[in-house]
């Protein structure tokens, strides 16, 4: 029996243990008790996921450093980045909105990317990074708090609503964040379970 076949996986919903078997492309493993998804089969290799993560990191940096939205009213143009919008919300007394946006659209995605790179780069080089198990657990939680897609859709809706009041134009940051949203979906489709097979 191989190490993969001899491993156990515990359902996050009902805590039932299952014997793990490698999954083919497109296959889904479900809990026999509650039918929660235990894992998905995929074709992406470790190097492919690393390449997607590096790309997502570059695009994310472009997204947070470029203008997300440009408004022009009565000849006066105003543009803001994602950190600038968070700062403006805080200064206007919207501390809860600013904090929620900072955590879900800035801190969690950044943590997601940093931890992914910290884990994937050594694994691709044939080494196991220090604190691997802790990093993967934190990465799982960071993925839950990562809501960059919510911010992107919210910005698009704001753009539509503001169109009747002022000339609103999406900035390059908004397109970059849209790209990050797609890249995150591709990265997360592989899950985290495959990372454990590269340990030992």
Protein backbone atom coordinates (compact mmCIF):
# COMPACT_ATOMS: atom_id res chain seq x y z
CA UNK A 1 0.00 0.00 0.00
CA UNK A 2 1.41 3.42 -0.97
CA UNK A 3 1.72 6.31 1.49
CA UNK A 4 -1.15 8.13 -0.26
CA UNK A 5 -3.41 5.09 -0.07
CA UNK A 6 -2.51 4.54 3.60
CA UNK A 7 -3.31 8.11 4.63
CA UNK A 8 -6.43 9.20 6.45
CA UNK A 9 -8.54 12.27 5.84
CA UNK A 10 -10.98 13.67 8.38
CA UNK A 11 -14.22 15.34 7.30
CA UNK A 12 -14.30 18.98 8.39
CA UNK A 13 -18.08 18.86 8.85
CA UNK A 14 -18.71 15.70 10.90
CA UNK A 15 -15.14 14.60 11.89
CA UNK A 16 -15.47 11.14 10.36
CA UNK A 17 -12.16 9.57 9.27
CA UNK A 18 -11.81 8.10 5.78
CA UNK A 19 -9.10 6.08 4.05
CA UNK A 20 -7.65 8.34 1.34
CA UNK A 21 -7.23 7.20 -2.25
CA UNK A 22 -5.69 9.25 -5.08
CA UNK A 23 -8.35 10.90 -7.23
CA UNK A 24 -8.45 11.10 -11.01
CA UNK A 25 -9.07 14.33 -12.90
CA UNK A 26 -12.61 15.58 -12.29
CA UNK A 27 -13.29 13.12 -9.44
CA UNK A 28 -14.73 14.30 -6.14
CA UNK A 29 -14.37 12.46 -2.82
CA UNK A 30 -17.31 12.95 -0.44
CA UNK A 31 -17.90 12.00 3.16
CA UNK A 32 -20.02 8.85 3.44
CA UNK A 33 -21.84 10.28 6.46
CA UNK A 34 -22.65 13.91 5.57
CA UNK A 35 -21.57 14.05 1.88
CA UNK A 36 -19.25 17.03 2.45
CA UNK A 37 -16.47 17.38 -0.13
CA UNK A 38 -13.24 15.78 1.11
CA UNK A 39 -11.12 16.44 -1.98
CA UNK A 40 -11.09 16.96 -5.73
CA UNK A 41 -8.93 15.41 -8.41
CA UNK A 42 -6.91 17.77 -10.61
CA UNK A 43 -4.19 17.72 -13.24
CA UNK A 44 -2.12 20.67 -12.02
CA UNK A 45 1.40 19.85 -10.93
CA UNK A 46 3.24 21.56 -8.10
CA UNK A 47 5.20 23.73 -10.53
CA UNK A 48 2.00 24.79 -12.30
CA UNK A 49 0.43 25.88 -9.01
CA UNK A 50 3.64 27.72 -8.13
CA UNK A 51 3.59 29.54 -11.47
CA UNK A 52 -0.05 30.55 -10.94
CA UNK A 53 0.77 31.76 -7.42
CA UNK A 54 3.70 33.89 -8.62
CA UNK A 55 1.48 35.35 -11.36
CA UNK A 56 -1.29 36.07 -8.84
CA UNK A 57 1.23 37.80 -6.54
CA UNK A 58 2.43 40.11 -9.31
CA UNK A 59 -1.11 40.91 -10.46
CA UNK A 60 -2.23 41.47 -6.84
CA UNK A 61 0.60 43.97 -6.28
CA UNK A 62 -0.47 45.79 -9.45
CA UNK A 63 -4.07 45.73 -8.26
CA UNK A 64 -3.42 47.30 -4.85
CA UNK A 65 -0.96 49.90 -6.13
CA UNK A 66 -3.01 51.09 -9.14
CA UNK A 67 -6.17 53.16 -9.24
CA UNK A 68 -9.30 51.06 -8.78
CA UNK A 69 -11.79 53.74 -9.72
CA UNK A 70 -11.52 57.17 -11.37
CA UNK A 71 -14.37 59.66 -10.82
CA UNK A 72 -14.73 62.93 -12.67
CA UNK A 73 -17.31 65.48 -11.49
CA UNK A 74 -17.47 69.06 -12.74
CA UNK A 75 -14.02 68.84 -14.24
CA UNK A 76 -12.40 67.50 -11.08
CA UNK A 77 -11.00 63.97 -11.31
CA UNK A 78 -10.53 61.78 -8.24
CA UNK A 79 -8.83 58.41 -8.24
CA UNK A 80 -8.10 55.96 -5.44
CA UNK A 81 -6.33 52.69 -4.83
CA UNK A 82 -7.61 49.88 -2.61
CA UNK A 83 -5.48 50.95 0.40
CA UNK A 84 -6.53 54.56 -0.26
CA UNK A 85 -10.22 53.60 -0.23
CA UNK A 86 -9.73 51.74 3.07
CA UNK A 87 -7.94 54.73 4.58
CA UNK A 88 -10.65 57.13 3.39
CA UNK A 89 -13.39 54.94 4.88
CA UNK A 90 -11.58 54.90 8.22
CA UNK A 91 -11.13 58.67 8.25
CA UNK A 92 -14.83 59.20 7.46
CA UNK A 93 -15.86 57.25 10.56
CA UNK A 94 -16.64 53.94 8.83
CA UNK A 95 -14.19 51.94 10.94
CA UNK A 96 -16.08 48.64 10.69
CA UNK A 97 -16.33 48.84 6.90
CA UNK A 98 -12.67 49.82 6.62
CA UNK A 99 -11.52 47.01 8.93
CA UNK A 100 -13.65 44.38 7.16
CA UNK A 101 -12.39 45.51 3.76
CA UNK A 102 -8.78 45.56 4.95
CA UNK A 103 -9.02 42.04 6.36
CA UNK A 104 -10.95 40.38 3.51
CA UNK A 105 -9.61 42.25 0.47
CA UNK A 106 -6.06 43.15 1.52
CA UNK A 107 -4.63 41.22 4.48
CA UNK A 108 -6.16 37.76 3.85
CA UNK A 109 -5.27 37.68 0.11
CA UNK A 110 -1.73 38.88 0.88
CA UNK A 111 -1.35 36.23 3.61
CA UNK A 112 -2.76 33.61 1.23
CA UNK A 113 -0.12 34.47 -1.40
CA UNK A 114 2.81 34.77 1.04
CA UNK A 115 2.05 31.42 2.68
CA UNK A 116 1.54 29.74 -0.69
CA UNK A 117 4.94 30.98 -1.87
CA UNK A 118 6.58 30.04 1.44
CA UNK A 119 5.29 26.47 1.08
CA UNK A 120 5.50 25.96 -2.69
CA UNK A 121 8.98 27.35 -3.45
CA UNK A 122 10.85 24.93 -1.10
CA UNK A 123 8.61 21.99 -2.13
CA UNK A 124 9.36 22.66 -5.79
CA UNK A 125 13.07 22.62 -4.90
CA UNK A 126 12.67 19.28 -3.13
CA UNK A 127 12.73 20.63 0.45
CA UNK A 128 10.09 20.81 3.16
CA UNK A 129 9.73 24.33 4.60
CA UNK A 130 10.03 24.87 8.34
CA UNK A 131 6.63 24.89 10.05
CA UNK A 132 4.96 23.24 7.05
CA UNK A 133 1.96 21.83 8.95
CA UNK A 134 1.22 25.13 10.70
CA UNK A 135 1.53 27.05 7.42
CA UNK A 136 -0.94 24.76 5.64
CA UNK A 137 -3.44 25.11 8.50
CA UNK A 138 -3.14 28.92 8.49
CA UNK A 139 -3.37 28.86 4.69
CA UNK A 140 -6.67 27.02 4.99
CA UNK A 141 -8.05 29.75 7.26
CA UNK A 142 -6.65 32.56 5.07
CA UNK A 143 -8.47 31.03 2.11
CA UNK A 144 -11.74 31.27 4.04
CA UNK A 145 -11.24 34.96 4.83
CA UNK A 146 -10.01 35.84 1.35
CA UNK A 147 -12.92 37.69 -0.31
CA UNK A 148 -11.24 39.67 -3.08
CA UNK A 149 -14.10 38.70 -5.40
CA UNK A 150 -16.63 40.39 -3.09
CA UNK A 151 -14.67 43.64 -3.23
CA UNK A 152 -14.30 43.43 -7.03
CA UNK A 153 -18.01 42.83 -7.58
CA UNK A 154 -18.83 45.61 -5.10
CA UNK A 155 -16.57 48.01 -6.99
CA UNK A 156 -18.27 47.10 -10.27
CA UNK A 157 -21.71 47.69 -8.76
CA UNK A 158 -20.55 51.06 -7.39
CA UNK A 159 -19.26 51.93 -10.85
CA UNK A 160 -22.69 51.27 -12.36
CA UNK A 161 -24.51 53.26 -9.66
CA UNK A 162 -22.15 56.22 -9.91
CA UNK A 163 -22.43 56.39 -13.68
CA UNK A 164 -25.55 58.55 -13.41
CA UNK A 165 -23.93 61.03 -11.01
CA UNK A 166 -20.43 61.39 -12.40
CA UNK A 167 -18.10 60.09 -15.08
CA UNK A 168 -16.89 56.86 -13.48
CA UNK A 169 -14.15 54.87 -15.18
CA UNK A 170 -12.66 51.59 -13.94
CA UNK A 171 -8.96 51.93 -13.27
CA UNK A 172 -6.22 49.39 -14.05
CA UNK A 173 -6.36 48.22 -10.42
CA UNK A 174 -9.92 46.97 -10.86
CA UNK A 175 -8.95 44.92 -13.93
CA UNK A 176 -5.94 43.55 -12.03
CA UNK A 177 -8.12 42.55 -9.06
CA UNK A 178 -10.49 40.84 -11.48
CA UNK A 179 -7.50 38.88 -12.79
CA UNK A 180 -6.50 37.99 -9.24
CA UNK A 181 -10.01 36.68 -8.65
CA UNK A 182 -9.68 34.27 -11.60
CA UNK A 183 -6.15 33.20 -10.60
CA UNK A 184 -7.24 32.52 -7.01
CA UNK A 185 -10.07 30.33 -8.28
CA UNK A 186 -7.59 28.33 -10.37
CA UNK A 187 -5.14 27.98 -7.47
CA UNK A 188 -7.79 26.95 -4.95
CA UNK A 189 -9.28 24.38 -7.34
CA UNK A 190 -6.24 22.19 -6.60
CA UNK A 191 -6.94 22.32 -2.86
CA UNK A 192 -4.31 21.80 -0.18
CA UNK A 193 -4.30 18.03 0.26
CA UNK A 194 -1.84 17.44 -2.59
CA UNK A 195 0.81 19.46 -0.69
CA UNK A 196 1.04 16.76 1.98
CA UNK A 197 2.08 14.14 -0.58
CA UNK A 198 5.30 16.07 -1.20
CA UNK A 199 6.32 15.86 2.46
CA UNK A 200 8.71 13.04 3.49
